Protein backbone atom coordinates (compact mmCIF):
# COMPACT_ATOMS: atom_id res chain seq x y z
CA MET A 1 112.56 87.97 84.60
CA ARG A 2 109.41 86.12 85.52
CA SER A 3 106.90 87.55 87.91
CA LEU A 4 106.40 86.09 91.36
CA PHE A 5 103.04 84.57 90.39
CA SER A 6 104.11 82.69 87.29
CA PHE A 7 104.80 79.05 86.60
CA PRO A 8 107.81 77.93 84.57
CA ASP A 9 107.27 76.82 81.00
CA PRO A 10 108.93 74.56 80.12
CA VAL A 11 109.51 72.54 83.28
CA ASN A 12 112.49 70.31 83.95
CA GLU A 13 110.90 66.89 84.36
CA LYS A 14 113.76 65.84 86.66
CA ALA A 15 112.81 68.64 89.05
CA ALA A 16 109.11 67.72 88.83
CA ARG A 17 109.88 64.11 89.66
CA THR A 18 112.07 65.22 92.56
CA VAL A 19 109.23 67.34 93.95
CA ALA A 20 106.91 64.34 93.56
CA ALA A 21 109.37 62.21 95.56
CA GLY A 22 109.29 64.82 98.32
CA VAL A 23 105.48 64.77 98.30
CA VAL A 24 105.56 60.97 98.57
CA ALA A 25 107.95 61.15 101.52
CA MET A 26 105.90 63.75 103.40
CA SER A 27 102.57 62.08 102.62
CA VAL A 28 103.78 58.64 103.69
CA ALA A 29 105.24 60.18 106.84
CA ALA A 30 101.85 61.76 107.57
CA LEU A 31 100.11 58.43 106.98
CA VAL A 32 102.49 56.37 109.09
CA THR A 33 102.92 58.78 112.01
CA GLN A 34 99.51 60.48 111.76
CA GLN A 35 101.26 63.75 112.50
CA SER A 36 98.49 65.96 111.17
CA TRP A 37 100.72 69.04 110.88
CA LEU A 38 102.40 67.31 107.92
CA LEU A 39 99.11 67.59 106.01
CA VAL A 40 99.37 71.37 106.37
CA VAL A 41 103.00 71.36 105.19
CA VAL A 42 102.06 69.32 102.10
CA ALA A 43 99.10 71.59 101.31
CA LEU A 44 101.09 74.80 101.77
CA GLY A 45 103.81 73.41 99.49
CA PHE A 46 101.27 72.69 96.77
CA TRP A 47 99.73 76.17 97.15
CA ALA A 48 103.19 77.75 96.84
CA ARG A 49 104.07 75.70 93.75
CA VAL A 50 100.76 76.15 91.93
CA LEU A 51 100.88 79.93 92.48
CA THR A 52 104.60 80.63 91.99
CA GLY A 53 106.25 77.51 90.62
CA PRO A 54 109.33 76.73 92.69
CA THR A 55 109.82 80.36 93.80
CA LEU A 56 108.16 80.16 97.24
CA SER A 57 108.33 76.39 97.74
CA PRO A 58 111.32 75.11 99.72
CA LEU A 59 110.85 71.69 98.11
CA GLY A 60 110.55 73.29 94.67
CA ARG A 61 113.69 75.35 95.23
CA LEU A 62 115.65 72.30 96.40
CA ALA A 63 114.45 70.28 93.40
CA THR A 64 115.21 72.95 90.78
CA SER A 65 118.38 74.43 92.24
CA VAL A 66 120.15 71.42 93.76
CA VAL A 67 118.79 67.98 92.91
CA ALA A 68 117.77 68.32 89.25
CA PRO A 69 121.07 69.96 88.20
CA ALA A 70 122.93 67.12 89.92
CA LEU A 71 120.95 64.63 87.80
CA GLY A 72 122.42 65.97 84.56
CA LYS A 73 121.00 67.56 81.46
CA PRO A 74 117.43 68.81 81.95
CA LYS A 75 114.53 67.09 80.24
CA HIS A 76 112.06 69.82 79.38
CA VAL A 77 108.32 69.19 79.28
CA PRO A 78 105.45 71.68 78.83
CA GLY A 79 104.61 73.69 81.94
CA PRO A 80 100.80 74.00 81.75
CA PRO A 81 100.10 70.27 82.32
CA LYS A 82 102.49 70.27 85.30
CA ARG A 83 100.76 73.32 86.75
CA PHE A 84 97.41 71.58 86.27
CA ALA A 85 98.82 68.55 88.12
CA GLN A 86 100.00 70.86 90.93
CA ALA A 87 96.46 72.30 91.09
CA ILE A 88 95.04 68.80 91.51
CA GLY A 89 97.61 68.15 94.24
CA THR A 90 96.57 71.43 95.85
CA ALA A 91 92.93 70.31 95.86
CA PHE A 92 93.75 66.88 97.31
CA SER A 93 96.17 68.12 99.96
CA THR A 94 93.87 70.97 101.00
CA ALA A 95 90.92 68.56 101.19
CA ALA A 96 92.95 66.20 103.39
CA ALA A 97 93.91 69.02 105.76
CA LEU A 98 90.33 70.34 105.91
CA LEU A 99 88.92 66.86 106.48
CA TRP A 100 91.34 66.34 109.37
CA PHE A 101 91.21 69.75 111.07
CA VAL A 102 87.76 71.12 110.23
CA ALA A 103 85.57 68.05 109.81
CA GLY A 104 87.45 65.78 112.24
CA ALA A 105 87.19 63.08 109.57
CA HIS A 106 90.57 61.49 110.11
CA LEU A 107 90.07 58.29 108.13
CA PRO A 108 88.84 60.09 104.98
CA ALA A 109 91.73 62.56 105.34
CA LEU A 110 94.17 59.66 105.40
CA GLY A 111 92.44 58.12 102.37
CA VAL A 112 92.83 61.34 100.37
CA THR A 113 96.45 61.55 101.49
CA ALA A 114 97.04 57.95 100.36
CA ALA A 115 95.56 58.76 96.95
CA LEU A 116 97.82 61.82 96.70
CA ALA A 117 100.87 59.76 97.72
CA SER A 118 99.99 57.13 95.11
CA ALA A 119 99.75 59.68 92.30
CA ALA A 120 102.97 61.36 93.41
CA PHE A 121 104.70 57.96 93.52
CA LEU A 122 103.71 57.27 89.91
CA GLU A 123 105.25 60.61 88.90
CA ALA A 124 108.41 60.18 90.99
CA ALA A 125 109.14 56.55 90.18
CA LEU A 126 107.76 56.11 86.67
CA GLY A 127 107.41 59.61 85.25
CA LEU A 128 103.67 59.01 84.92
CA CYS A 129 101.90 62.29 85.69
CA LEU A 130 98.20 61.56 86.18
CA GLY A 131 97.32 65.26 86.25
CA CYS A 132 99.14 65.70 82.94
CA LYS A 133 97.12 62.81 81.47
CA VAL A 134 93.87 64.44 82.60
CA PHE A 135 95.09 67.75 81.11
CA GLY A 136 95.67 65.98 77.78
CA ILE A 137 92.20 64.43 77.85
CA LEU A 138 90.63 67.83 78.58
CA MET A 139 92.54 69.30 75.62
CA ARG A 140 91.42 66.49 73.28
CA LEU A 141 87.82 67.00 74.40
CA GLY A 142 88.12 70.70 73.59
CA LEU A 143 87.53 71.73 77.21
CA LEU A 144 90.91 73.47 77.24
CA PRO A 145 91.76 75.61 74.20
CA PRO A 146 94.99 74.85 72.31
CA SER A 147 96.29 78.30 73.31
CA VAL A 148 96.61 77.07 76.92
CA CYS A 149 99.50 74.86 75.87
CA GLU A 150 100.73 75.27 72.32
CA ALA A 151 103.44 72.64 72.87
CA CYS A 152 100.74 70.21 73.99
CA ALA A 153 98.49 70.94 71.03
CA ASP A 154 101.29 70.77 68.43
CA LEU A 155 103.29 67.58 68.81
CA SER A 156 105.87 68.83 66.31
CA LEU A 157 106.98 71.47 68.84
CA ARG A 158 108.11 68.71 71.20
CA HIS A 159 109.16 66.28 68.49
CA PRO A 160 110.61 68.19 65.51
CA GLU A 161 111.33 64.89 63.75
CA LEU A 162 107.56 64.50 63.27
CA SER A 163 107.17 67.85 61.49
CA GLY A 164 108.94 66.81 58.31
CA ASN A 165 111.60 69.47 58.89
CA PRO A 166 115.13 68.16 59.33
CA VAL A 167 116.33 68.03 62.92
CA ARG A 168 119.42 70.11 63.59
CA THR A 169 121.89 68.90 66.14
């Protein structure tokens, strides 16, 4: 049993993309309607997911328990890059809410929200996780040790056909 404050590893990419679609929907709704309370909902969702995975996130629970299973066989990807991406989303969504409510800087808050919606759209529609790409760059630069994500550091763990060992089906 995992603890409350843990993040799943591996992550079902179908669930991650579903969560991203929900972030797009809420962010675009905030942009179009300028209902500032939606910025708080988006930020709280990111905080819940970065701290506990889907455990305390209604969107995360819906994605992992209902939507992703309905989409068929899971596609597992390493968890640490997805958690890093959630942390970036947490920073962006929190910045947007603080800009709006604390600084009264509505236009910059909407700009940050648009950037967040754009990144989430790339994940939802194309499976392109910008936070995961940054995570990979940080690993290649040696700024993140290989122990942070062994599956990321050792390609043969994700692609056994590259290890020279026969793949068992």
